[in-house]
Amino acid sequence: MPEQDKIEVLVESINSYVKTNCELIKLEATDKTSLIGSCLISNLLIGLVGFLLIFFISLGASFYISERIGDNYSGFVIVAGFYFILGFILMIGRRTLIEKPMRDKIIRKILS
C-alpha cells in the first residue's frame, strides 16, 4: 500500500505541474500579446501624427513652390513627382528597406 500512496502523490504532483505550466504559458502569451498590441497601437498613433505632419508640410511646400514659380499647379506637380520617386524607390527596395527591418523588429518583440 505505501507504494500506491507514493504513486498517487506522484500523479497529483504531475497534475499540479502540468496545470502550473499551462497557467504559466497562458500568462506569458497574454504578456506578449499585450506588449505587441500596445506597441502596435502606439506605432499606429505615431504613424498617424507623422502622416498628418508630412501631409501639411507637403501642402505648404506645394503652395510655396507654386507661389515662387508663379503657376497655381506646378508646385503640386513637383511635390507629387517627389512622392512618386520616393514610392518607386520604396517599391524597388521594399524587401531590404521595409520588410526585413519590420520582421526583425517583430521577432525581437516576441522573443524579448
PDB file of N, CA and C in Angstrom:
ATOM      1  N   MET A   1       0.779  -1.199   0.000  1.00  0.00           N
ATOM      2  CA  MET A   1       0.000   0.000   0.000  1.00  0.00           C
ATOM      3  C   MET A   1       0.828   1.274   0.000  1.00  0.00           C
ATOM      4  N   PRO A   2       1.929   1.305   0.706  1.00  0.00           N
ATOM      5  CA  PRO A   2       2.689   2.548   0.680  1.00  0.00           C
ATOM      6  C   PRO A   2       3.112   2.936  -0.739  1.00  0.00           C
ATOM      7  N   GLU A   3       3.353   1.928  -1.593  1.00  0.00           N
ATOM      8  CA  GLU A   3       3.730   2.253  -2.976  1.00  0.00           C
ATOM      9  C   GLU A   3       2.563   2.881  -3.713  1.00  0.00           C
ATOM     10  N   GLN A   4       1.355   2.438  -3.423  1.00  0.00           N
ATOM     11  CA  GLN A   4       0.160   3.010  -4.038  1.00  0.00           C
ATOM     12  C   GLN A   4       0.020   4.484  -3.637  1.00  0.00           C
ATOM     13  N   ASP A   5       0.285   4.790  -2.383  1.00  0.00           N
ATOM     14  CA  ASP A   5       0.231   6.174  -1.911  1.00  0.00           C
ATOM     15  C   ASP A   5       1.281   7.027  -2.600  1.00  0.00           C
ATOM     16  N   LYS A   6       2.478   6.458  -2.799  1.00  0.00           N
ATOM     17  CA  LYS A   6       3.548   7.197  -3.488  1.00  0.00           C
ATOM     18  C   LYS A   6       3.153   7.489  -4.927  1.00  0.00           C
ATOM     19  N   ILE A   7       2.499   6.519  -5.576  1.00  0.00           N
ATOM     20  CA  ILE A   7       2.074   6.722  -6.969  1.00  0.00           C
ATOM     21  C   ILE A   7       1.004   7.810  -7.032  1.00  0.00           C
ATOM     22  N   GLU A   8       0.081   7.800  -6.084  1.00  0.00           N
ATOM     23  CA  GLU A   8      -0.959   8.830  -6.056  1.00  0.00           C
ATOM     24  C   GLU A   8      -0.363  10.214  -5.824  1.00  0.00           C
ATOM     25  N   VAL A   9       0.604  10.289  -4.935  1.00  0.00           N
ATOM     26  CA  VAL A   9       1.277  11.570  -4.689  1.00  0.00           C
ATOM     27  C   VAL A   9       2.016  12.027  -5.940  1.00  0.00           C
ATOM     28  N   LEU A  10       2.642  11.069  -6.617  1.00  0.00           N
ATOM     29  CA  LEU A  10       3.360  11.397  -7.857  1.00  0.00           C
ATOM     30  C   LEU A  10       2.396  11.881  -8.928  1.00  0.00           C
ATOM     31  N   VAL A  11       1.253  11.226  -9.076  1.00  0.00           N
ATOM     32  CA  VAL A  11       0.253  11.639 -10.066  1.00  0.00           C
ATOM     33  C   VAL A  11      -0.284  13.029  -9.727  1.00  0.00           C
ATOM     34  N   GLU A  12      -0.547  13.279  -8.459  1.00  0.00           N
ATOM     35  CA  GLU A  12      -1.005  14.604  -8.053  1.00  0.00           C
ATOM     36  C   GLU A  12       0.048  15.671  -8.333  1.00  0.00           C
ATOM     37  N   SER A  13       1.299  15.337  -8.086  1.00  0.00           N
ATOM     38  CA  SER A  13       2.387  16.290  -8.356  1.00  0.00           C
ATOM     39  C   SER A  13       2.496  16.580  -9.847  1.00  0.00           C
ATOM     40  N   ILE A  14       2.355  15.535 -10.655  1.00  0.00           N
ATOM     41  CA  ILE A  14       2.426  15.719 -12.112  1.00  0.00           C
ATOM     42  C   ILE A  14       1.253  16.572 -12.581  1.00  0.00           C
ATOM     43  N   ASN A  15       0.057  16.299 -12.076  1.00  0.00           N
ATOM     44  CA  ASN A  15      -1.115  17.105 -12.451  1.00  0.00           C
ATOM     45  C   ASN A  15      -0.922  18.564 -12.052  1.00  0.00           C
ATOM     46  N   SER A  16      -0.425  18.782 -10.862  1.00  0.00           N
ATOM     47  CA  SER A  16      -0.169  20.135 -10.396  1.00  0.00           C
ATOM     48  C   SER A  16       0.876  20.824 -11.273  1.00  0.00           C
ATOM     49  N   TYR A  17       1.911  20.089 -11.638  1.00  0.00           N
ATOM     50  CA  TYR A  17       2.969  20.632 -12.502  1.00  0.00           C
ATOM     51  C   TYR A  17       2.405  21.018 -13.866  1.00  0.00           C
ATOM     52  N   VAL A  18       1.597  20.151 -14.447  1.00  0.00           N
ATOM     53  CA  VAL A  18       1.018  20.423 -15.768  1.00  0.00           C
ATOM     54  C   VAL A  18       0.091  21.630 -15.699  1.00  0.00           C
ATOM     55  N   LYS A  19      -0.751  21.718 -14.672  1.00  0.00           N
ATOM     56  CA  LYS A  19      -1.651  22.857 -14.528  1.00  0.00           C
ATOM     57  C   LYS A  19      -0.866  24.155 -14.348  1.00  0.00           C
ATOM     58  N   THR A  20       0.187  24.099 -13.555  1.00  0.00           N
ATOM     59  CA  THR A  20       1.009  25.286 -13.341  1.00  0.00           C
ATOM     60  C   THR A  20       1.696  25.716 -14.632  1.00  0.00           C
ATOM     61  N   ASN A  21       2.208  24.748 -15.399  1.00  0.00           N
ATOM     62  CA  ASN A  21       2.849  25.072 -16.682  1.00  0.00           C
ATOM     63  C   ASN A  21       1.852  25.661 -17.663  1.00  0.00           C
ATOM     64  N   CYS A  22       0.635  25.103 -17.717  1.00  0.00           N
ATOM     65  CA  CYS A  22      -0.397  25.653 -18.608  1.00  0.00           C
ATOM     66  C   CYS A  22      -0.727  27.089 -18.221  1.00  0.00           C
ATOM     67  N   GLU A  23      -0.851  27.341 -16.939  1.00  0.00           N
ATOM     68  CA  GLU A  23      -1.141  28.686 -16.463  1.00  0.00           C
ATOM     69  C   GLU A  23       0.008  29.643 -16.795  1.00  0.00           C
ATOM     70  N   LEU A  24       1.233  29.180 -16.648  1.00  0.00           N
ATOM     71  CA  LEU A  24       2.399  29.996 -16.974  1.00  0.00           C
ATOM     72  C   LEU A  24       2.428  30.329 -18.465  1.00  0.00           C
ATOM     73  N   ILE A  25       2.122  29.351 -19.304  1.00  0.00           N
ATOM     74  CA  ILE A  25       2.098  29.582 -20.750  1.00  0.00           C
ATOM     75  C   ILE A  25       1.011  30.592 -21.101  1.00  0.00           C
ATOM     76  N   LYS A  26      -0.162  30.488 -20.484  1.00  0.00           N
ATOM     77  CA  LYS A  26      -1.237  31.454 -20.725  1.00  0.00           C
ATOM     78  C   LYS A  26      -0.805  32.858 -20.321  1.00  0.00           C
ATOM     79  N   LEU A  27      -0.172  32.979 -19.163  1.00  0.00           N
ATOM     80  CA  LEU A  27       0.264  34.297 -18.691  1.00  0.00           C
ATOM     81  C   LEU A  27       1.347  34.888 -19.592  1.00  0.00           C
ATOM     82  N   GLU A  28       2.286  34.053 -20.025  1.00  0.00           N
ATOM     83  CA  GLU A  28       3.337  34.550 -20.922  1.00  0.00           C
ATOM     84  C   GLU A  28       2.753  34.963 -22.265  1.00  0.00           C
ATOM     85  N   ALA A  29       1.785  34.177 -22.783  1.00  0.00           N
ATOM     86  CA  ALA A  29       1.147  34.538 -24.050  1.00  0.00           C
ATOM     87  C   ALA A  29       0.367  35.838 -23.906  1.00  0.00           C
ATOM     88  N   THR A  30      -0.307  36.006 -22.780  1.00  0.00           N
ATOM     89  CA  THR A  30      -1.049  37.243 -22.532  1.00  0.00           C
ATOM     90  C   THR A  30      -0.097  38.431 -22.451  1.00  0.00           C
ATOM     91  N   ASP A  31       1.028  38.241 -21.798  1.00  0.00           N
ATOM     92  CA  ASP A  31       2.017  39.308 -21.686  1.00  0.00           C
ATOM     93  C   ASP A  31       2.543  39.702 -23.058  1.00  0.00           C
ATOM     94  N   LYS A  32       2.909  38.710 -23.874  1.00  0.00           N
ATOM     95  CA  LYS A  32       3.430  39.008 -25.216  1.00  0.00           C
ATOM     96  C   LYS A  32       2.367  39.669 -26.082  1.00  0.00           C
ATOM     97  N   THR A  33       1.132  39.174 -26.000  1.00  0.00           N
ATOM     98  CA  THR A  33       0.054  39.743 -26.803  1.00  0.00           C
ATOM     99  C   THR A  33      -0.209  41.187 -26.413  1.00  0.00           C
ATOM    100  N   SER A  34      -0.240  41.462 -25.115  1.00  0.00           N
ATOM    101  CA  SER A  34      -0.482  42.838 -24.677  1.00  0.00           C
ATOM    102  C   SER A  34       0.675  43.750 -25.064  1.00  0.00           C
ATOM    103  N   LEU A  35       1.897  43.244 -24.997  1.00  0.00           N
ATOM    104  CA  LEU A  35       3.057  44.038 -25.397  1.00  0.00           C
ATOM    105  C   LEU A  35       3.005  44.364 -26.881  1.00  0.00           C
ATOM    106  N   ILE A  36       2.735  43.363 -27.699  1.00  0.00           N
ATOM    107  CA  ILE A  36       2.674  43.585 -29.148  1.00  0.00           C
ATOM    108  C   ILE A  36       1.501  44.488 -29.494  1.00  0.00           C
ATOM    109  N   GLY A  37       0.348  44.283 -28.845  1.00  0.00           N
ATOM    110  CA  GLY A  37      -0.819  45.132 -29.103  1.00  0.00           C
ATOM    111  C   GLY A  37      -0.572  46.580 -28.741  1.00  0.00           C
ATOM    112  N   SER A  38       0.032  46.806 -27.581  1.00  0.00           N
ATOM    113  CA  SER A  38       0.292  48.190 -27.173  1.00  0.00           C
ATOM    114  C   SER A  38       1.325  48.842 -28.083  1.00  0.00           C
ATOM    115  N   CYS A  39       2.329  48.092 -28.497  1.00  0.00           N
ATOM    116  CA  CYS A  39       3.323  48.645 -29.437  1.00  0.00           C
ATOM    117  C   CYS A  39       2.669  48.964 -30.777  1.00  0.00           C
ATOM    118  N   LEU A  40       1.779  48.090 -31.221  1.00  0.00           N
ATOM    119  CA  LEU A  40       1.091  48.313 -32.492  1.00  0.00           C
ATOM    120  C   LEU A  40       0.239  49.575 -32.428  1.00  0.00           C
ATOM    121  N   ILE A  41      -0.525  49.726 -31.371  1.00  0.00           N
ATOM    122  CA  ILE A  41      -1.380  50.907 -31.241  1.00  0.00           C
ATOM    123  C   ILE A  41      -0.552  52.181 -31.134  1.00  0.00           C
ATOM    124  N   SER A  42       0.514  52.157 -30.328  1.00  0.00           N
ATOM    125  CA  SER A  42       1.334  53.365 -30.199  1.00  0.00           C
ATOM    126  C   SER A  42       2.025  53.691 -31.523  1.00  0.00           C
ATOM    127  N   ASN A  43       2.491  52.670 -32.242  1.00  0.00           N
ATOM    128  CA  ASN A  43       3.119  52.930 -33.540  1.00  0.00           C
ATOM    129  C   ASN A  43       2.112  53.460 -34.555  1.00  0.00           C
ATOM    130  N   LEU A  44       0.875  52.966 -34.502  1.00  0.00           N
ATOM    131  CA  LEU A  44      -0.149  53.489 -35.404  1.00  0.00           C
ATOM    132  C   LEU A  44      -0.459  54.951 -35.101  1.00  0.00           C
ATOM    133  N   LEU A  45      -0.534  55.295 -33.823  1.00  0.00           N
ATOM    134  CA  LEU A  45      -0.781  56.696 -33.462  1.00  0.00           C
ATOM    135  C   LEU A  45       0.376  57.596 -33.882  1.00  0.00           C
ATOM    136  N   ILE A  46       1.595  57.134 -33.658  1.00  0.00           N
ATOM    137  CA  ILE A  46       2.761  57.907 -34.089  1.00  0.00           C
ATOM    138  C   ILE A  46       2.780  58.030 -35.612  1.00  0.00           C
ATOM    139  N   GLY A  47       2.427  56.948 -36.296  1.00  0.00           N
ATOM    140  CA  GLY A  47       2.360  56.976 -37.757  1.00  0.00           C
ATOM    141  C   GLY A  47       1.306  57.948 -38.260  1.00  0.00           C
ATOM    142  N   LEU A  48       0.161  57.988 -37.591  1.00  0.00           N
ATOM    143  CA  LEU A  48      -0.900  58.920 -37.981  1.00  0.00           C
ATOM    144  C   LEU A  48      -0.452  60.364 -37.803  1.00  0.00           C
ATOM    145  N   VAL A  49       0.166  60.664 -36.674  1.00  0.00           N
ATOM    146  CA  VAL A  49       0.664  62.024 -36.443  1.00  0.00           C
ATOM    147  C   VAL A  49       1.757  62.359 -37.467  1.00  0.00           C
ATOM    148  N   GLY A  50       2.641  61.404 -37.750  1.00  0.00           N
ATOM    149  CA  GLY A  50       3.675  61.620 -38.757  1.00  0.00           C
ATOM    150  C   GLY A  50       3.082  61.850 -40.138  1.00  0.00           C
ATOM    151  N   PHE A  51       2.042  61.079 -40.474  1.00  0.00           N
ATOM    152  CA  PHE A  51       1.373  61.267 -41.762  1.00  0.00           C
ATOM    153  C   PHE A  51       0.782  62.656 -41.872  1.00  0.00           C
ATOM    154  N   LEU A  52       0.087  63.091 -40.817  1.00  0.00           N
ATOM    155  CA  LEU A  52      -0.502  64.436 -40.839  1.00  0.00           C
ATOM    156  C   LEU A  52       0.570  65.516 -40.949  1.00  0.00           C
ATOM    157  N   LEU A  53       1.690  65.324 -40.244  1.00  0.00           N
ATOM    158  CA  LEU A  53       2.785  66.279 -40.324  1.00  0.00           C
ATOM    159  C   LEU A  53       3.320  66.364 -41.752  1.00  0.00           C
ATOM    160  N   ILE A  54       3.593  65.215 -42.352  1.00  0.00           N
ATOM    161  CA  ILE A  54       4.118  65.203 -43.722  1.00  0.00           C
ATOM    162  C   ILE A  54       3.090  65.766 -44.704  1.00  0.00           C
ATOM    163  N   PHE A  55       1.818  65.445 -44.479  1.00  0.00           N
ATOM    164  CA  PHE A  55       0.762  65.947 -45.361  1.00  0.00           C
ATOM    165  C   PHE A  55       0.723  67.475 -45.358  1.00  0.00           C
ATOM    166  N   PHE A  56       0.727  68.066 -44.170  1.00  0.00           N
ATOM    167  CA  PHE A  56       0.634  69.521 -44.105  1.00  0.00           C
ATOM    168  C   PHE A  56       1.928  70.205 -44.548  1.00  0.00           C
ATOM    169  N   ILE A  57       3.061  69.597 -44.278  1.00  0.00           N
ATOM    170  CA  ILE A  57       4.323  70.164 -44.793  1.00  0.00           C
ATOM    171  C   ILE A  57       4.333  70.097 -46.313  1.00  0.00           C
ATOM    172  N   SER A  58       3.851  68.981 -46.870  1.00  0.00           N
ATOM    173  CA  SER A  58       3.783  68.848 -48.327  1.00  0.00           C
ATOM    174  C   SER A  58       2.824  69.860 -48.924  1.00  0.00           C
ATOM    175  N   LEU A  59       1.709  70.059 -48.270  1.00  0.00           N
ATOM    176  CA  LEU A  59       0.739  71.041 -48.749  1.00  0.00           C
ATOM    177  C   LEU A  59       1.358  72.446 -48.728  1.00  0.00           C
ATOM    178  N   GLY A  60       2.027  72.769 -47.634  1.00  0.00           N
ATOM    179  CA  GLY A  60       2.685  74.074 -47.542  1.00  0.00           C
ATOM    180  C   GLY A  60       3.783  74.233 -48.578  1.00  0.00           C
ATOM    181  N   ALA A  61       4.576  73.163 -48.781  1.00  0.00           N
ATOM    182  CA  ALA A  61       5.641  73.220 -49.787  1.00  0.00           C
ATOM    183  C   ALA A  61       5.052  73.387 -51.183  1.00  0.00           C
ATOM    184  N   SER A  62       3.941  72.724 -51.446  1.00  0.00           N
ATOM    185  CA  SER A  62       3.298  72.853 -52.759  1.00  0.00           C
ATOM    186  C   SER A  62       2.844  74.280 -53.005  1.00  0.00           C
ATOM    187  N   PHE A  63       2.194  74.871 -52.017  1.00  0.00           N
ATOM    188  CA  PHE A  63       1.760  76.264 -52.175  1.00  0.00           C
ATOM    189  C   PHE A  63       2.958  77.202 -52.307  1.00  0.00           C
ATOM    190  N   TYR A  64       4.001  76.965 -51.531  1.00  0.00           N
ATOM    191  CA  TYR A  64       5.186  77.816 -51.588  1.00  0.00           C
ATOM    192  C   TYR A  64       5.850  77.722 -52.961  1.00  0.00           C
ATOM    193  N   ILE A  65       6.043  76.502 -53.459  1.00  0.00           N
ATOM    194  CA  ILE A  65       6.674  76.328 -54.780  1.00  0.00           C
ATOM    195  C   ILE A  65       5.805  76.946 -55.864  1.00  0.00           C
ATOM    196  N   SER A  66       4.485  76.750 -55.767  1.00  0.00           N
ATOM    197  CA  SER A  66       3.576  77.338 -56.757  1.00  0.00           C
ATOM    198  C   SER A  66       3.671  78.858 -56.762  1.00  0.00           C
ATOM    199  N   GLU A  67       3.771  79.425 -55.572  1.00  0.00           N
ATOM    200  CA  GLU A  67       3.867  80.880 -55.478  1.00  0.00           C
ATOM    201  C   GLU A  67       5.199  81.381 -56.040  1.00  0.00           C
ATOM    202  N   ARG A  68       6.280  80.670 -55.749  1.00  0.00           N
ATOM    203  CA  ARG A  68       7.601  81.097 -56.235  1.00  0.00           C
ATOM    204  C   ARG A  68       7.710  80.972 -57.753  1.00  0.00           C
ATOM    205  N   ILE A  69       7.093  79.934 -58.308  1.00  0.00           N
ATOM    206  CA  ILE A  69       7.156  79.743 -59.760  1.00  0.00           C
ATOM    207  C   ILE A  69       6.155  80.658 -60.465  1.00  0.00           C
ATOM    208  N   GLY A  70       5.049  80.937 -59.817  1.00  0.00           N
ATOM    209  CA  GLY A  70       4.045  81.815 -60.411  1.00  0.00           C
ATOM    210  C   GLY A  70       2.936  81.047 -61.102  1.00  0.00           C
ATOM    211  N   ASP A  71       2.899  79.750 -60.945  1.00  0.00           N
ATOM    212  CA  ASP A  71       1.864  78.922 -61.557  1.00  0.00           C
ATOM    213  C   ASP A  71       1.091  78.240 -60.427  1.00  0.00           C
ATOM    214  N   ASN A  72      -0.209  78.130 -60.561  1.00  0.00           N
ATOM    215  CA  ASN A  72      -1.030  77.581 -59.487  1.00  0.00           C
ATOM    216  C   ASN A  72      -0.828  76.077 -59.261  1.00  0.00           C
ATOM    217  N   TYR A  73      -0.421  75.345 -60.275  1.00  0.00           N
ATOM    218  CA  TYR A  73      -0.394  73.883 -60.175  1.00  0.00           C
ATOM    219  C   TYR A  73       0.995  73.273 -60.151  1.00  0.00           C
ATOM    220  N   SER A  74       1.986  73.993 -60.578  1.00  0.00           N
ATOM    221  CA  SER A  74       3.321  73.403 -60.737  1.00  0.00           C
ATOM    222  C   SER A  74       3.912  72.926 -59.407  1.00  0.00           C
ATOM    223  N   GLY A  75       3.668  73.616 -58.322  1.00  0.00           N
ATOM    224  CA  GLY A  75       4.183  73.190 -57.020  1.00  0.00           C
ATOM    225  C   GLY A  75       3.629  71.839 -56.614  1.00  0.00           C
ATOM    226  N   PHE A  76       2.345  71.635 -56.873  1.00  0.00           N
ATOM    227  CA  PHE A  76       1.722  70.362 -56.542  1.00  0.00           C
ATOM    228  C   PHE A  76       2.258  69.229 -57.412  1.00  0.00           C
ATOM    229  N   VAL A  77       2.527  69.534 -58.674  1.00  0.00           N
ATOM    230  CA  VAL A  77       3.092  68.522 -59.575  1.00  0.00           C
ATOM    231  C   VAL A  77       4.509  68.161 -59.140  1.00  0.00           C
ATOM    232  N   ILE A  78       5.288  69.134 -58.737  1.00  0.00           N
ATOM    233  CA  ILE A  78       6.658  68.871 -58.291  1.00  0.00           C
ATOM    234  C   ILE A  78       6.646  68.021 -57.020  1.00  0.00           C
ATOM    235  N   VAL A  79       5.808  68.359 -56.049  1.00  0.00           N
ATOM    236  CA  VAL A  79       5.728  67.577 -54.811  1.00  0.00           C
ATOM    237  C   VAL A  79       5.212  66.173 -55.110  1.00  0.00           C
ATOM    238  N   ALA A  80       4.222  66.053 -55.991  1.00  0.00           N
ATOM    239  CA  ALA A  80       3.714  64.733 -56.374  1.00  0.00           C
ATOM    240  C   ALA A  80       4.809  63.918 -57.068  1.00  0.00           C
ATOM    241  N   GLY A  81       5.609  64.563 -57.891  1.00  0.00           N
ATOM    242  CA  GLY A  81       6.727  63.869 -58.537  1.00  0.00           C
ATOM    243  C   GLY A  81       7.746  63.374 -57.527  1.00  0.00           C
ATOM    244  N   PHE A  82       8.007  64.192 -56.508  1.00  0.00           N
ATOM    245  CA  PHE A  82       8.909  63.765 -55.436  1.00  0.00           C
ATOM    246  C   PHE A  82       8.379  62.511 -54.754  1.00  0.00           C
ATOM    247  N   TYR A  83       7.069  62.507 -54.429  1.00  0.00           N
ATOM    248  CA  TYR A  83       6.485  61.329 -53.780  1.00  0.00           C
ATOM    249  C   TYR A  83       6.433  60.123 -54.711  1.00  0.00           C
ATOM    250  N   PHE A  84       6.272  60.367 -56.008  1.00  0.00           N
ATOM    251  CA  PHE A  84       6.313  59.271 -56.974  1.00  0.00           C
ATOM    252  C   PHE A  84       7.691  58.614 -56.974  1.00  0.00           C
ATOM    253  N   ILE A  85       8.730  59.430 -57.016  1.00  0.00           N
ATOM    254  CA  ILE A  85      10.104  58.897 -56.996  1.00  0.00           C
ATOM    255  C   ILE A  85      10.374  58.164 -55.682  1.00  0.00           C
ATOM    256  N   LEU A  86       9.947  58.749 -54.563  1.00  0.00           N
ATOM    257  CA  LEU A  86      10.118  58.101 -53.268  1.00  0.00           C
ATOM    258  C   LEU A  86       9.377  56.768 -53.206  1.00  0.00           C
ATOM    259  N   GLY A  87       8.149  56.737 -53.704  1.00  0.00           N
ATOM    260  CA  GLY A  87       7.377  55.492 -53.739  1.00  0.00           C
ATOM    261  C   GLY A  87       8.013  54.450 -54.628  1.00  0.00           C
ATOM    262  N   PHE A  88       8.579  54.877 -55.755  1.00  0.00           N
ATOM    263  CA  PHE A  88       9.247  53.960 -56.669  1.00  0.00           C
ATOM    264  C   PHE A  88      10.480  53.347 -56.002  1.00  0.00           C
ATOM    265  N   ILE A  89      11.252  54.171 -55.307  1.00  0.00           N
ATOM    266  CA  ILE A  89      12.437  53.669 -54.593  1.00  0.00           C
ATOM    267  C   ILE A  89      12.024  52.674 -53.509  1.00  0.00           C
ATOM    268  N   LEU A  90      10.962  52.996 -52.761  1.00  0.00           N
ATOM    269  CA  LEU A  90      10.485  52.085 -51.725  1.00  0.00           C
ATOM    270  C   LEU A  90       9.932  50.788 -52.319  1.00  0.00           C
ATOM    271  N   MET A  91       9.295  50.886 -53.480  1.00  0.00           N
ATOM    272  CA  MET A  91       8.764  49.691 -54.123  1.00  0.00           C
ATOM    273  C   MET A  91       9.897  48.765 -54.576  1.00  0.00           C
ATOM    274  N   ILE A  92      10.944  49.341 -55.122  1.00  0.00           N
ATOM    275  CA  ILE A  92      12.072  48.535 -55.582  1.00  0.00           C
ATOM    276  C   ILE A  92      12.812  47.907 -54.400  1.00  0.00           C
ATOM    277  N   GLY A  93      13.030  48.677 -53.344  1.00  0.00           N
ATOM    278  CA  GLY A  93      13.810  48.176 -52.213  1.00  0.00           C
ATOM    279  C   GLY A  93      12.969  47.786 -51.014  1.00  0.00           C
ATOM    280  N   ARG A  94      11.719  47.385 -51.249  1.00  0.00           N
ATOM    281  CA  ARG A  94      10.830  47.119 -50.110  1.00  0.00           C
ATOM    282  C   ARG A  94      11.295  45.966 -49.243  1.00  0.00           C
ATOM    283  N   ARG A  95      11.929  44.969 -49.831  1.00  0.00           N
ATOM    284  CA  ARG A  95      12.395  43.834 -49.029  1.00  0.00           C
ATOM    285  C   ARG A  95      13.485  44.258 -48.043  1.00  0.00           C
ATOM    286  N   THR A  96      14.452  45.024 -48.504  1.00  0.00           N
ATOM    287  CA  THR A  96      15.558  45.423 -47.632  1.00  0.00           C
ATOM    288  C   THR A  96      15.235  46.658 -46.791  1.00  0.00           C
ATOM    289  N   LEU A  97      14.368  47.545 -47.315  1.00  0.00           N
ATOM    290  CA  LEU A  97      14.082  48.787 -46.602  1.00  0.00           C
ATOM    291  C   LEU A  97      12.908  48.682 -45.634  1.00  0.00           C
ATOM    292  N   ILE A  98      11.946  47.796 -45.927  1.00  0.00           N
ATOM    293  CA  ILE A  98      10.737  47.742 -45.107  1.00  0.00           C
ATOM    294  C   ILE A  98      10.524  46.359 -44.491  1.00  0.00           C
ATOM    295  N   GLU A  99      10.449  45.327 -45.334  1.00  0.00           N
ATOM    296  CA  GLU A  99      10.048  44.007 -44.855  1.00  0.00           C
ATOM    297  C   GLU A  99      11.023  43.409 -43.850  1.00  0.00           C
ATOM    298  N   LYS A 100      12.307  43.383 -44.185  1.00  0.00           N
ATOM    299  CA  LYS A 100      13.291  42.769 -43.291  1.00  0.00           C
ATOM    300  C   LYS A 100      13.410  43.499 -41.951  1.00  0.00           C
ATOM    301  N   PRO A 101      13.537  44.834 -41.931  1.00  0.00           N
ATOM    302  CA  PRO A 101      13.597  45.508 -40.623  1.00  0.00           C
ATOM    303  C   PRO A 101      12.328  45.320 -39.784  1.00  0.00           C
ATOM    304  N   MET A 102      11.144  45.342 -40.426  1.00  0.00           N
ATOM    305  CA  MET A 102       9.907  45.149 -39.682  1.00  0.00           C
ATOM    306  C   MET A 102       9.811  43.726 -39.135  1.00  0.00           C
ATOM    307  N   ARG A 103      10.191  42.745 -39.942  1.00  0.00           N
ATOM    308  CA  ARG A 103      10.171  41.351 -39.499  1.00  0.00           C
ATOM    309  C   ARG A 103      11.122  41.154 -38.322  1.00  0.00           C
ATOM    310  N   ASP A 104      12.316  41.733 -38.418  1.00  0.00           N
ATOM    311  CA  ASP A 104      13.283  41.614 -37.322  1.00  0.00           C
ATOM    312  C   ASP A 104      12.769  42.284 -36.052  1.00  0.00           C
ATOM    313  N   LYS A 105      12.107  43.432 -36.202  1.00  0.00           N
ATOM    314  CA  LYS A 105      11.580  44.140 -35.038  1.00  0.00           C
ATOM    315  C   LYS A 105      10.465  43.339 -34.368  1.00  0.00           C
ATOM    316  N   ILE A 106       9.599  42.735 -35.166  1.00  0.00           N
ATOM    317  CA  ILE A 106       8.517  41.921 -34.611  1.00  0.00           C
ATOM    318  C   ILE A 106       9.078  40.702 -33.896  1.00  0.00           C
ATOM    319  N   ILE A 107      10.072  40.050 -34.488  1.00  0.00           N
ATOM    320  CA  ILE A 107      10.671  38.871 -33.855  1.00  0.00           C
ATOM    321  C   ILE A 107      11.351  39.264 -32.547  1.00  0.00           C
ATOM    322  N   ARG A 108      12.048  40.407 -32.529  1.00  0.00           N
ATOM    323  CA  ARG A 108      12.683  40.860 -31.285  1.00  0.00           C
ATOM    324  C   ARG A 108      11.653  41.134 -30.192  1.00  0.00           C
ATOM    325  N   LYS A 109      10.491  41.715 -30.581  1.00  0.00           N
ATOM    326  CA  LYS A 109       9.439  41.981 -29.598  1.00  0.00           C
ATOM    327  C   LYS A 109       8.871  40.678 -29.046  1.00  0.00           C
ATOM    328  N   ILE A 110       8.677  39.695 -29.915  1.00  0.00           N
ATOM    329  CA  ILE A 110       8.106  38.421 -29.468  1.00  0.00           C
ATOM    330  C   ILE A 110       9.077  37.684 -28.551  1.00  0.00           C
ATOM    331  N   LEU A 111      10.346  37.718 -28.889  1.00  0.00           N
ATOM    332  CA  LEU A 111      11.330  36.946 -28.118  1.00  0.00           C
ATOM    333  C   LEU A 111      11.857  37.679 -26.892  1.00  0.00           C
ATOM    334  N   SER A 112      11.534  38.957 -26.750  1.00  0.00           N
ATOM    335  CA  SER A 112      12.056  39.700 -25.589  1.00  0.00           C
ATOM    336  C   SER A 112      11.283  39.356 -24.321  1.00  0.00           C
TER     337      SER A 112
END
